[in-house]
PDB file of N, CA and C in Angstrom:
ATOM      1  N   MET A   1      11.464   1.739 -10.749  1.00  0.00           N
ATOM      2  CA  MET A   1      11.377   3.036  -9.476  1.00  0.00           C
ATOM      3  C   MET A   1      11.759   4.050  -9.167  1.00  0.00           C
ATOM      4  N   SER A   2      11.474   5.056 -10.071  1.00  0.00           N
ATOM      5  CA  SER A   2      12.736   6.486  -9.859  1.00  0.00           C
ATOM      6  C   SER A   2      12.881   7.032  -7.934  1.00  0.00           C
ATOM      7  N   ASP A   3      13.714   7.377  -7.841  1.00  0.00           N
ATOM      8  CA  ASP A   3      14.503   7.806  -7.411  1.00  0.00           C
ATOM      9  C   ASP A   3      14.463  10.119  -7.216  1.00  0.00           C
ATOM     10  N   THR A   4      13.153  10.195  -7.719  1.00  0.00           N
ATOM     11  CA  THR A   4      12.371  11.540  -7.772  1.00  0.00           C
ATOM     12  C   THR A   4      11.749  11.520  -6.831  1.00  0.00           C
ATOM     13  N   GLY A   5      11.211  12.630  -6.174  1.00  0.00           N
ATOM     14  CA  GLY A   5       9.827  12.517  -4.732  1.00  0.00           C
ATOM     15  C   GLY A   5      11.084  12.846  -3.947  1.00  0.00           C
ATOM     16  N   ARG A   6       9.644  13.012  -3.078  1.00  0.00           N
ATOM     17  CA  ARG A   6      10.464  13.022  -1.439  1.00  0.00           C
ATOM     18  C   ARG A   6      10.605  11.413  -0.776  1.00  0.00           C
ATOM     19  N   TRP A   7      11.516  11.026  -0.207  1.00  0.00           N
ATOM     20  CA  TRP A   7      11.373  10.073  -0.090  1.00  0.00           C
ATOM     21  C   TRP A   7      11.030  10.032   1.732  1.00  0.00           C
ATOM     22  N   VAL A   8      10.872   9.507   2.285  1.00  0.00           N
ATOM     23  CA  VAL A   8      10.340   9.682   4.339  1.00  0.00           C
ATOM     24  C   VAL A   8      10.358   7.961   4.233  1.00  0.00           C
ATOM     25  N   LYS A   9      10.795   7.884   5.426  1.00  0.00           N
ATOM     26  CA  LYS A   9      10.836   6.553   6.371  1.00  0.00           C
ATOM     27  C   LYS A   9       9.254   6.610   7.603  1.00  0.00           C
ATOM     28  N   VAL A  10       8.849   5.661   6.993  1.00  0.00           N
ATOM     29  CA  VAL A  10       7.318   5.055   7.678  1.00  0.00           C
ATOM     30  C   VAL A  10       7.143   3.846   7.914  1.00  0.00           C
ATOM     31  N   ALA A  11       8.804   3.210   8.105  1.00  0.00           N
ATOM     32  CA  ALA A  11       8.208   2.073   9.056  1.00  0.00           C
ATOM     33  C   ALA A  11       9.576   1.367   8.944  1.00  0.00           C
ATOM     34  N   GLU A  12      10.107   0.310  10.101  1.00  0.00           N
ATOM     35  CA  GLU A  12      10.091  -0.150   9.397  1.00  0.00           C
ATOM     36  C   GLU A  12      10.141  -1.771   9.260  1.00  0.00           C
ATOM     37  N   LEU A  13      11.268  -2.596   8.342  1.00  0.00           N
ATOM     38  CA  LEU A  13      10.795  -3.562   7.356  1.00  0.00           C
ATOM     39  C   LEU A  13      10.320  -5.008   8.243  1.00  0.00           C
ATOM     40  N   ARG A  14      11.119  -5.510   9.288  1.00  0.00           N
ATOM     41  CA  ARG A  14      10.219  -6.269  10.316  1.00  0.00           C
ATOM     42  C   ARG A  14       9.099  -5.895  10.760  1.00  0.00           C
ATOM     43  N   GLU A  15       8.501  -4.307  11.019  1.00  0.00           N
ATOM     44  CA  GLU A  15       7.096  -4.601  11.730  1.00  0.00           C
ATOM     45  C   GLU A  15       6.787  -4.869  10.716  1.00  0.00           C
ATOM     46  N   ILE A  16       6.248  -5.171   9.124  1.00  0.00           N
ATOM     47  CA  ILE A  16       5.905  -6.373   8.338  1.00  0.00           C
ATOM     48  C   ILE A  16       5.374  -7.355   7.735  1.00  0.00           C
ATOM     49  N   PRO A  17       4.054  -7.654   8.029  1.00  0.00           N
ATOM     50  CA  PRO A  17       4.513  -8.769   8.582  1.00  0.00           C
ATOM     51  C   PRO A  17       4.016  -9.636   6.432  1.00  0.00           C
ATOM     52  N   GLU A  18       4.980 -11.213   6.752  1.00  0.00           N
ATOM     53  CA  GLU A  18       5.011 -11.777   5.804  1.00  0.00           C
ATOM     54  C   GLU A  18       3.485 -11.924   5.125  1.00  0.00           C
ATOM     55  N   GLU A  19       2.985 -12.158   4.360  1.00  0.00           N
ATOM     56  CA  GLU A  19       2.792 -11.956   3.419  1.00  0.00           C
ATOM     57  C   GLU A  19       1.576 -10.859   4.218  1.00  0.00           C
ATOM     58  N   GLY A  20       1.963 -10.003   4.554  1.00  0.00           N
ATOM     59  CA  GLY A  20       0.225  -9.294   5.920  1.00  0.00           C
ATOM     60  C   GLY A  20      -0.142  -7.768   5.110  1.00  0.00           C
ATOM     61  N   VAL A  21      -0.396  -6.667   6.094  1.00  0.00           N
ATOM     62  CA  VAL A  21      -0.374  -5.061   5.445  1.00  0.00           C
ATOM     63  C   VAL A  21       0.536  -4.759   6.410  1.00  0.00           C
ATOM     64  N   LEU A  22       0.544  -3.548   7.224  1.00  0.00           N
ATOM     65  CA  LEU A  22       0.913  -2.356   7.695  1.00  0.00           C
ATOM     66  C   LEU A  22       0.145  -1.738   7.753  1.00  0.00           C
ATOM     67  N   GLY A  23      -0.345  -0.315   8.340  1.00  0.00           N
ATOM     68  CA  GLY A  23      -1.094   0.603   8.419  1.00  0.00           C
ATOM     69  C   GLY A  23      -0.210   1.937   8.343  1.00  0.00           C
ATOM     70  N   VAL A  24       0.448   3.155   8.226  1.00  0.00           N
ATOM     71  CA  VAL A  24       1.525   4.076   8.618  1.00  0.00           C
ATOM     72  C   VAL A  24       0.585   5.179   8.339  1.00  0.00           C
ATOM     73  N   GLU A  25       1.034   6.124   9.258  1.00  0.00           N
ATOM     74  CA  GLU A  25       0.577   7.596   8.735  1.00  0.00           C
ATOM     75  C   GLU A  25       1.909   8.688   8.186  1.00  0.00           C
ATOM     76  N   THR A  26       2.571   9.506   7.652  1.00  0.00           N
ATOM     77  CA  THR A  26       3.533  10.350   7.087  1.00  0.00           C
ATOM     78  C   THR A  26       2.949  11.323   8.269  1.00  0.00           C
ATOM     79  N   ASP A  27       4.060  12.122   8.274  1.00  0.00           N
ATOM     80  CA  ASP A  27       3.633  12.969   9.521  1.00  0.00           C
ATOM     81  C   ASP A  27       2.374  14.521   8.526  1.00  0.00           C
ATOM     82  N   ASP A  28       2.626  14.016   7.382  1.00  0.00           N
ATOM     83  CA  ASP A  28       1.625  14.762   6.497  1.00  0.00           C
ATOM     84  C   ASP A  28       0.726  14.524   6.221  1.00  0.00           C
ATOM     85  N   GLU A  29       0.202  12.830   6.953  1.00  0.00           N
ATOM     86  CA  GLU A  29      -1.191  12.406   7.851  1.00  0.00           C
ATOM     87  C   GLU A  29      -2.108  11.982   6.152  1.00  0.00           C
ATOM     88  N   THR A  30      -0.531  11.285   5.751  1.00  0.00           N
ATOM     89  CA  THR A  30      -1.371  10.015   4.181  1.00  0.00           C
ATOM     90  C   THR A  30      -1.053   8.902   5.013  1.00  0.00           C
ATOM     91  N   PRO A  31      -2.190   8.279   4.306  1.00  0.00           N
ATOM     92  CA  PRO A  31      -2.385   7.238   5.017  1.00  0.00           C
ATOM     93  C   PRO A  31      -1.736   6.037   3.554  1.00  0.00           C
ATOM     94  N   ILE A  32      -0.656   5.082   4.935  1.00  0.00           N
ATOM     95  CA  ILE A  32      -0.297   4.828   3.960  1.00  0.00           C
ATOM     96  C   ILE A  32      -0.126   3.175   3.890  1.00  0.00           C
ATOM     97  N   ALA A  33      -0.567   2.148   3.295  1.00  0.00           N
ATOM     98  CA  ALA A  33      -0.604   0.807   3.067  1.00  0.00           C
ATOM     99  C   ALA A  33       0.248  -0.305   2.819  1.00  0.00           C
ATOM    100  N   LEU A  34       0.530  -0.413   3.754  1.00  0.00           N
ATOM    101  CA  LEU A  34       2.567  -1.017   3.013  1.00  0.00           C
ATOM    102  C   LEU A  34       1.698  -2.121   2.897  1.00  0.00           C
ATOM    103  N   VAL A  35       3.027  -3.232   1.876  1.00  0.00           N
ATOM    104  CA  VAL A  35       1.973  -4.839   1.974  1.00  0.00           C
ATOM    105  C   VAL A  35       3.297  -5.418   1.907  1.00  0.00           C
ATOM    106  N   ARG A  36       3.474  -6.009   2.785  1.00  0.00           N
ATOM    107  CA  ARG A  36       4.712  -7.670   2.124  1.00  0.00           C
ATOM    108  C   ARG A  36       3.716  -9.303   1.662  1.00  0.00           C
ATOM    109  N   THR A  37       4.451  -9.025  -0.062  1.00  0.00           N
ATOM    110  CA  THR A  37       3.845  -9.798  -0.364  1.00  0.00           C
ATOM    111  C   THR A  37       4.743 -10.635  -1.600  1.00  0.00           C
ATOM    112  N   GLU A  38       5.183 -11.377  -2.234  1.00  0.00           N
ATOM    113  CA  GLU A  38       6.273 -12.803  -2.803  1.00  0.00           C
ATOM    114  C   GLU A  38       7.139 -11.746  -2.593  1.00  0.00           C
ATOM    115  N   GLY A  39       7.811 -11.490  -1.654  1.00  0.00           N
ATOM    116  CA  GLY A  39       9.257 -11.256  -1.181  1.00  0.00           C
ATOM    117  C   GLY A  39       9.852  -9.144  -1.214  1.00  0.00           C
ATOM    118  N   GLU A  40       8.732  -9.024  -1.725  1.00  0.00           N
ATOM    119  CA  GLU A  40       8.575  -7.395  -1.422  1.00  0.00           C
ATOM    120  C   GLU A  40       7.830  -6.099  -0.575  1.00  0.00           C
ATOM    121  N   VAL A  41       8.012  -5.468  -1.272  1.00  0.00           N
ATOM    122  CA  VAL A  41       6.494  -4.645  -0.661  1.00  0.00           C
ATOM    123  C   VAL A  41       6.361  -3.727  -1.188  1.00  0.00           C
ATOM    124  N   PHE A  42       4.915  -3.322  -1.566  1.00  0.00           N
ATOM    125  CA  PHE A  42       4.320  -1.906  -1.883  1.00  0.00           C
ATOM    126  C   PHE A  42       3.716  -1.275  -0.474  1.00  0.00           C
ATOM    127  N   ALA A  43       3.183  -0.032  -1.847  1.00  0.00           N
ATOM    128  CA  ALA A  43       2.714   1.164  -0.667  1.00  0.00           C
ATOM    129  C   ALA A  43       1.516   1.470  -1.785  1.00  0.00           C
ATOM    130  N   LEU A  44       0.177   1.504  -0.977  1.00  0.00           N
ATOM    131  CA  LEU A  44      -0.904   2.245  -1.369  1.00  0.00           C
ATOM    132  C   LEU A  44      -1.005   2.901  -0.568  1.00  0.00           C
ATOM    133  N   ARG A  45      -2.595   4.134  -0.969  1.00  0.00           N
ATOM    134  CA  ARG A  45      -3.199   5.125   0.290  1.00  0.00           C
ATOM    135  C   ARG A  45      -3.987   4.119   1.041  1.00  0.00           C
ATOM    136  N   ASP A  46      -3.967   4.420   2.211  1.00  0.00           N
ATOM    137  CA  ASP A  46      -4.493   3.198   3.029  1.00  0.00           C
ATOM    138  C   ASP A  46      -6.506   3.958   3.103  1.00  0.00           C
ATOM    139  N   VAL A  47      -6.886   3.213   2.726  1.00  0.00           N
ATOM    140  CA  VAL A  47      -8.126   3.736   1.066  1.00  0.00           C
ATOM    141  C   VAL A  47      -9.112   3.671   0.502  1.00  0.00           C
ATOM    142  N   CYS A  48      -9.656   2.892   0.876  1.00  0.00           N
ATOM    143  CA  CYS A  48     -10.860   1.244  -0.292  1.00  0.00           C
ATOM    144  C   CYS A  48     -11.735   3.252  -0.970  1.00  0.00           C
ATOM    145  N   SER A  49     -11.575   2.660  -2.724  1.00  0.00           N
ATOM    146  CA  SER A  49     -11.373   3.660  -3.285  1.00  0.00           C
ATOM    147  C   SER A  49     -13.387   3.039  -3.672  1.00  0.00           C
ATOM    148  N   HIS A  50     -13.592   3.012  -2.168  1.00  0.00           N
ATOM    149  CA  HIS A  50     -15.529   2.519  -2.980  1.00  0.00           C
ATOM    150  C   HIS A  50     -16.075   2.855  -1.815  1.00  0.00           C
ATOM    151  N   ALA A  51     -14.816   2.107  -0.609  1.00  0.00           N
ATOM    152  CA  ALA A  51     -15.743   2.478   0.547  1.00  0.00           C
ATOM    153  C   ALA A  51     -14.842   3.875   1.876  1.00  0.00           C
ATOM    154  N   GLU A  52     -13.788   3.984   1.497  1.00  0.00           N
ATOM    155  CA  GLU A  52     -13.063   4.696   1.924  1.00  0.00           C
ATOM    156  C   GLU A  52     -12.693   4.271   3.742  1.00  0.00           C
ATOM    157  N   VAL A  53     -12.767   2.933   3.201  1.00  0.00           N
ATOM    158  CA  VAL A  53     -12.381   2.244   4.536  1.00  0.00           C
ATOM    159  C   VAL A  53     -10.441   1.845   4.110  1.00  0.00           C
ATOM    160  N   ARG A  54     -10.164   1.536   5.835  1.00  0.00           N
ATOM    161  CA  ARG A  54      -8.728   1.455   5.206  1.00  0.00           C
ATOM    162  C   ARG A  54      -8.444  -0.321   4.993  1.00  0.00           C
ATOM    163  N   LEU A  55      -7.911   0.621   4.023  1.00  0.00           N
ATOM    164  CA  LEU A  55      -7.107  -1.366   3.334  1.00  0.00           C
ATOM    165  C   LEU A  55      -6.888  -2.348   4.506  1.00  0.00           C
ATOM    166  N   SER A  56      -5.413  -1.822   5.272  1.00  0.00           N
ATOM    167  CA  SER A  56      -4.766  -2.432   5.877  1.00  0.00           C
ATOM    168  C   SER A  56      -5.220  -3.195   6.967  1.00  0.00           C
ATOM    169  N   GLU A  57      -6.302  -2.769   6.958  1.00  0.00           N
ATOM    170  CA  GLU A  57      -7.394  -3.634   7.847  1.00  0.00           C
ATOM    171  C   GLU A  57      -7.685  -5.459   7.115  1.00  0.00           C
ATOM    172  N   GLY A  58      -7.811  -5.089   5.089  1.00  0.00           N
ATOM    173  CA  GLY A  58      -7.708  -6.151   5.427  1.00  0.00           C
ATOM    174  C   GLY A  58      -7.198  -7.330   5.388  1.00  0.00           C
ATOM    175  N   GLU A  59      -7.859  -8.468   4.031  1.00  0.00           N
ATOM    176  CA  GLU A  59      -6.054  -9.248   4.026  1.00  0.00           C
ATOM    177  C   GLU A  59      -5.700 -10.064   2.839  1.00  0.00           C
ATOM    178  N   VAL A  60      -4.276 -10.381   2.296  1.00  0.00           N
ATOM    179  CA  VAL A  60      -3.084 -10.134   1.982  1.00  0.00           C
ATOM    180  C   VAL A  60      -3.152 -11.820   1.242  1.00  0.00           C
ATOM    181  N   GLU A  61      -3.856 -11.759  -0.118  1.00  0.00           N
ATOM    182  CA  GLU A  61      -2.888 -12.761  -1.336  1.00  0.00           C
ATOM    183  C   GLU A  61      -3.038 -12.589  -2.893  1.00  0.00           C
ATOM    184  N   ASP A  62      -2.083 -13.380  -2.865  1.00  0.00           N
ATOM    185  CA  ASP A  62      -0.941 -12.749  -4.607  1.00  0.00           C
ATOM    186  C   ASP A  62      -1.382 -12.164  -4.610  1.00  0.00           C
ATOM    187  N   GLY A  63      -0.878 -11.090  -4.043  1.00  0.00           N
ATOM    188  CA  GLY A  63      -0.422  -9.564  -4.574  1.00  0.00           C
ATOM    189  C   GLY A  63      -1.624  -9.307  -4.475  1.00  0.00           C
ATOM    190  N   THR A  64      -2.406  -9.215  -3.563  1.00  0.00           N
ATOM    191  CA  THR A  64      -3.441  -8.765  -4.074  1.00  0.00           C
ATOM    192  C   THR A  64      -3.840  -8.110  -2.567  1.00  0.00           C
ATOM    193  N   VAL A  65      -4.609  -6.848  -2.225  1.00  0.00           N
ATOM    194  CA  VAL A  65      -5.043  -6.980  -0.862  1.00  0.00           C
ATOM    195  C   VAL A  65      -6.911  -6.234  -0.808  1.00  0.00           C
ATOM    196  N   GLU A  66      -7.673  -7.272  -0.446  1.00  0.00           N
ATOM    197  CA  GLU A  66      -8.618  -7.078   0.324  1.00  0.00           C
ATOM    198  C   GLU A  66      -9.169  -5.960   1.436  1.00  0.00           C
ATOM    199  N   CYS A  67     -10.330  -5.788   0.458  1.00  0.00           N
ATOM    200  CA  CYS A  67     -10.753  -4.165   2.146  1.00  0.00           C
ATOM    201  C   CYS A  67     -12.522  -5.509   2.279  1.00  0.00           C
ATOM    202  N   TRP A  68     -11.527  -5.181   3.618  1.00  0.00           N
ATOM    203  CA  TRP A  68     -12.614  -6.262   4.474  1.00  0.00           C
ATOM    204  C   TRP A  68     -14.167  -5.768   4.816  1.00  0.00           C
ATOM    205  N   LEU A  69     -14.452  -4.750   4.671  1.00  0.00           N
ATOM    206  CA  LEU A  69     -15.742  -4.516   3.820  1.00  0.00           C
ATOM    207  C   LEU A  69     -16.627  -4.948   2.747  1.00  0.00           C
ATOM    208  N   HIS A  70     -16.343  -4.782   1.751  1.00  0.00           N
ATOM    209  CA  HIS A  70     -17.473  -5.594   0.733  1.00  0.00           C
ATOM    210  C   HIS A  70     -16.251  -6.261  -0.539  1.00  0.00           C
ATOM    211  N   GLY A  71     -15.480  -5.850   0.341  1.00  0.00           N
ATOM    212  CA  GLY A  71     -14.058  -7.734  -0.222  1.00  0.00           C
ATOM    213  C   GLY A  71     -13.644  -7.191  -2.456  1.00  0.00           C
ATOM    214  N   SER A  72     -13.884  -6.093  -2.820  1.00  0.00           N
ATOM    215  CA  SER A  72     -12.782  -5.850  -2.999  1.00  0.00           C
ATOM    216  C   SER A  72     -11.716  -6.691  -3.674  1.00  0.00           C
ATOM    217  N   CYS A  73     -11.149  -6.369  -4.388  1.00  0.00           N
ATOM    218  CA  CYS A  73      -9.993  -6.438  -3.815  1.00  0.00           C
ATOM    219  C   CYS A  73      -8.633  -6.254  -5.031  1.00  0.00           C
ATOM    220  N   PHE A  74      -7.599  -5.972  -4.492  1.00  0.00           N
ATOM    221  CA  PHE A  74      -6.776  -4.339  -5.887  1.00  0.00           C
ATOM    222  C   PHE A  74      -5.142  -4.895  -5.712  1.00  0.00           C
ATOM    223  N   ASP A  75      -5.125  -4.514  -7.034  1.00  0.00           N
ATOM    224  CA  ASP A  75      -3.754  -5.147  -7.520  1.00  0.00           C
ATOM    225  C   ASP A  75      -2.329  -4.325  -6.239  1.00  0.00           C
ATOM    226  N   VAL A  76      -1.762  -4.950  -5.367  1.00  0.00           N
ATOM    227  CA  VAL A  76      -0.604  -3.877  -4.590  1.00  0.00           C
ATOM    228  C   VAL A  76       0.143  -3.399  -5.670  1.00  0.00           C
ATOM    229  N   ARG A  77       0.617  -4.427  -7.168  1.00  0.00           N
ATOM    230  CA  ARG A  77       1.807  -3.416  -7.426  1.00  0.00           C
ATOM    231  C   ARG A  77       1.213  -1.890  -8.640  1.00  0.00           C
ATOM    232  N   SER A  78       0.172  -2.032  -9.100  1.00  0.00           N
ATOM    233  CA  SER A  78      -0.908  -0.991  -9.312  1.00  0.00           C
ATOM    234  C   SER A  78      -2.008  -0.609  -9.051  1.00  0.00           C
ATOM    235  N   GLY A  79      -2.937  -0.895  -8.085  1.00  0.00           N
ATOM    236  CA  GLY A  79      -3.061  -0.414  -7.264  1.00  0.00           C
ATOM    237  C   GLY A  79      -5.145  -0.667  -7.888  1.00  0.00           C
ATOM    238  N   ALA A  80      -4.782  -1.454  -9.481  1.00  0.00           N
ATOM    239  CA  ALA A  80      -5.797  -0.934  -9.737  1.00  0.00           C
ATOM    240  C   ALA A  80      -7.036  -2.650  -9.197  1.00  0.00           C
ATOM    241  N   PRO A  81      -8.482  -2.020  -8.736  1.00  0.00           N
ATOM    242  CA  PRO A  81      -8.816  -3.692  -8.553  1.00  0.00           C
ATOM    243  C   PRO A  81      -9.324  -4.406  -9.308  1.00  0.00           C
ATOM    244  N   ILE A  82      -9.278  -5.965  -8.771  1.00  0.00           N
ATOM    245  CA  ILE A  82      -9.428  -6.285  -9.518  1.00  0.00           C
ATOM    246  C   ILE A  82     -11.136  -6.574 -10.120  1.00  0.00           C
ATOM    247  N   ASN A  83     -11.785  -6.454  -8.410  1.00  0.00           N
ATOM    248  CA  ASN A  83     -13.037  -6.912  -8.709  1.00  0.00           C
ATOM    249  C   ASN A  83     -13.856  -6.511  -8.426  1.00  0.00           C
ATOM    250  N   PRO A  84     -16.079  -6.377  -8.419  1.00  0.00           N
ATOM    251  CA  PRO A  84     -16.156  -5.086  -7.948  1.00  0.00           C
ATOM    252  C   PRO A  84     -16.494  -5.437  -6.529  1.00  0.00           C
ATOM    253  N   PRO A  85     -16.552  -4.068  -5.546  1.00  0.00           N
ATOM    254  CA  PRO A  85     -17.179  -3.112  -6.404  1.00  0.00           C
ATOM    255  C   PRO A  85     -16.644  -1.871  -6.439  1.00  0.00           C
ATOM    256  N   ALA A  86     -15.902  -1.704  -6.086  1.00  0.00           N
ATOM    257  CA  ALA A  86     -14.407  -1.099  -6.460  1.00  0.00           C
ATOM    258  C   ALA A  86     -14.111  -1.018  -7.884  1.00  0.00           C
ATOM    259  N   THR A  87     -14.309   0.041  -8.573  1.00  0.00           N
ATOM    260  CA  THR A  87     -14.408   0.125  -9.996  1.00  0.00           C
ATOM    261  C   THR A  87     -13.713   1.340 -10.448  1.00  0.00           C
ATOM    262  N   ARG A  88     -12.552   2.041  -9.349  1.00  0.00           N
ATOM    263  CA  ARG A  88     -10.890   2.991  -9.579  1.00  0.00           C
ATOM    264  C   ARG A  88     -10.328   2.739  -8.757  1.00  0.00           C
ATOM    265  N   PRO A  89      -8.834   2.800  -9.268  1.00  0.00           N
ATOM    266  CA  PRO A  89      -7.454   2.765  -8.393  1.00  0.00           C
ATOM    267  C   PRO A  89      -7.447   2.817  -7.569  1.00  0.00           C
ATOM    268  N   VAL A  90      -6.455   3.192  -6.854  1.00  0.00           N
ATOM    269  CA  VAL A  90      -5.364   3.266  -5.516  1.00  0.00           C
ATOM    270  C   VAL A  90      -4.603   3.711  -6.129  1.00  0.00           C
ATOM    271  N   PRO A  91      -4.751   5.642  -5.501  1.00  0.00           N
ATOM    272  CA  PRO A  91      -3.059   4.751  -5.623  1.00  0.00           C
ATOM    273  C   PRO A  91      -1.881   5.140  -5.253  1.00  0.00           C
ATOM    274  N   THR A  92      -0.720   4.510  -5.961  1.00  0.00           N
ATOM    275  CA  THR A  92       0.697   3.957  -5.515  1.00  0.00           C
ATOM    276  C   THR A  92       1.325   4.356  -5.043  1.00  0.00           C
ATOM    277  N   TYR A  93       2.856   3.953  -4.070  1.00  0.00           N
ATOM    278  CA  TYR A  93       3.847   5.096  -4.345  1.00  0.00           C
ATOM    279  C   TYR A  93       5.263   4.130  -4.939  1.00  0.00           C
ATOM    280  N   ASP A  94       5.875   5.291  -5.022  1.00  0.00           N
ATOM    281  CA  ASP A  94       7.771   3.935  -4.990  1.00  0.00           C
ATOM    282  C   ASP A  94       7.821   3.464  -3.555  1.00  0.00           C
ATOM    283  N   VAL A  95       8.160   2.798  -2.968  1.00  0.00           N
ATOM    284  CA  VAL A  95       8.872   1.843  -2.333  1.00  0.00           C
ATOM    285  C   VAL A  95      11.064   1.556  -1.915  1.00  0.00           C
ATOM    286  N   LYS A  96      11.716   2.307  -1.287  1.00  0.00           N
ATOM    287  CA  LYS A  96      12.545   1.572  -0.841  1.00  0.00           C
ATOM    288  C   LYS A  96      13.055   0.989   0.312  1.00  0.00           C
ATOM    289  N   ILE A  97      13.406  -0.528   0.198  1.00  0.00           N
ATOM    290  CA  ILE A  97      14.502  -0.938   1.597  1.00  0.00           C
ATOM    291  C   ILE A  97      15.935  -0.175   1.255  1.00  0.00           C
ATOM    292  N   ASP A  98      15.878   0.795   2.513  1.00  0.00           N
ATOM    293  CA  ASP A  98      17.358   1.206   3.245  1.00  0.00           C
ATOM    294  C   ASP A  98      17.770   0.135   4.585  1.00  0.00           C
ATOM    295  N   GLY A  99      18.114  -0.936   4.351  1.00  0.00           N
ATOM    296  CA  GLY A  99      19.166  -1.223   5.547  1.00  0.00           C
ATOM    297  C   GLY A  99      17.712  -2.227   5.881  1.00  0.00           C
ATOM    298  N   ASP A 100      17.205  -1.471   6.835  1.00  0.00           N
ATOM    299  CA  ASP A 100      16.062  -2.373   8.130  1.00  0.00           C
ATOM    300  C   ASP A 100      14.802  -1.034   7.430  1.00  0.00           C
ATOM    301  N   ASP A 101      15.321   1.194   6.828  1.00  0.00           N
ATOM    302  CA  ASP A 101      14.630   1.036   6.607  1.00  0.00           C
ATOM    303  C   ASP A 101      13.309   0.578   5.791  1.00  0.00           C
ATOM    304  N   VAL A 102      12.289   1.816   6.033  1.00  0.00           N
ATOM    305  CA  VAL A 102      11.113   1.638   4.832  1.00  0.00           C
ATOM    306  C   VAL A 102      10.962   2.764   3.991  1.00  0.00           C
ATOM    307  N   LEU A 103      11.189   3.193   2.886  1.00  0.00           N
ATOM    308  CA  LEU A 103      11.518   4.363   2.510  1.00  0.00           C
ATOM    309  C   LEU A 103      10.039   4.829   1.024  1.00  0.00           C
ATOM    310  N   VAL A 104       9.122   5.605   1.973  1.00  0.00           N
ATOM    311  CA  VAL A 104       7.608   5.320   0.212  1.00  0.00           C
ATOM    312  C   VAL A 104       8.750   6.904  -0.320  1.00  0.00           C
ATOM    313  N   SER A 105       8.194   7.115  -1.297  1.00  0.00           N
ATOM    314  CA  SER A 105       8.359   7.781  -2.214  1.00  0.00           C
ATOM    315  C   SER A 105       6.540   8.932  -2.573  1.00  0.00           C
ATOM    316  N   LEU A 106       6.451   9.918  -1.635  1.00  0.00           N
ATOM    317  CA  LEU A 106       5.797  10.351  -1.247  1.00  0.00           C
ATOM    318  C   LEU A 106       4.664  11.144  -2.996  1.00  0.00           C
ATOM    319  N   ASP A 107       5.485  10.685  -4.304  1.00  0.00           N
ATOM    320  CA  ASP A 107       4.738  11.231  -5.320  1.00  0.00           C
ATOM    321  C   ASP A 107       3.636  10.470  -5.594  1.00  0.00           C
ATOM    322  N   GLU A 108       2.921  10.062  -6.095  1.00  0.00           N
ATOM    323  CA  GLU A 108       1.820   9.129  -6.458  1.00  0.00           C
ATOM    324  C   GLU A 108       2.008   9.008  -7.747  1.00  0.00           C
ATOM    325  N   LYS A 109       2.018   7.755  -7.666  1.00  0.00           N
ATOM    326  CA  LYS A 109       2.485   7.028  -9.579  1.00  0.00           C
ATOM    327  C   LYS A 109       0.879   6.565 -10.226  1.00  0.00           C
ATOM    328  N   ASN A 110       0.040   6.794  -9.469  1.00  0.00           N
ATOM    329  CA  ASN A 110      -1.367   7.181 -10.463  1.00  0.00           C
ATOM    330  C   ASN A 110      -2.539   7.029  -9.187  1.00  0.00           C
ATOM    331  N   SER A 111      -3.309   7.874  -9.976  1.00  0.00           N
ATOM    332  CA  SER A 111      -4.174   8.936  -8.864  1.00  0.00           C
ATOM    333  C   SER A 111      -5.720   8.274  -9.190  1.00  0.00           C
TER     334      SER A 111
END
């Protein structure tokens, strides 16, 4: 995780369910899915690359988040699709925890 870029507070840790996901928007209306799994928090663009629906409405399991519409799963670390119909990754963001604050760097790690 790099310390470059613009870090913004997007949530408090207690708001993200264990083995769950929370959808948030930054001040510039960037949709972000905060995924808490295996004791870590990850951030992905909250838009499925296949059908443009919110990933934050899906299920979290084994380090993936599933799109509720067509069932594509995305790796929360890389944003890569695990299964079809999605074929393109979703952008991911660096996350850091400062006390109870969840901060996200708005510089995309992939696109």
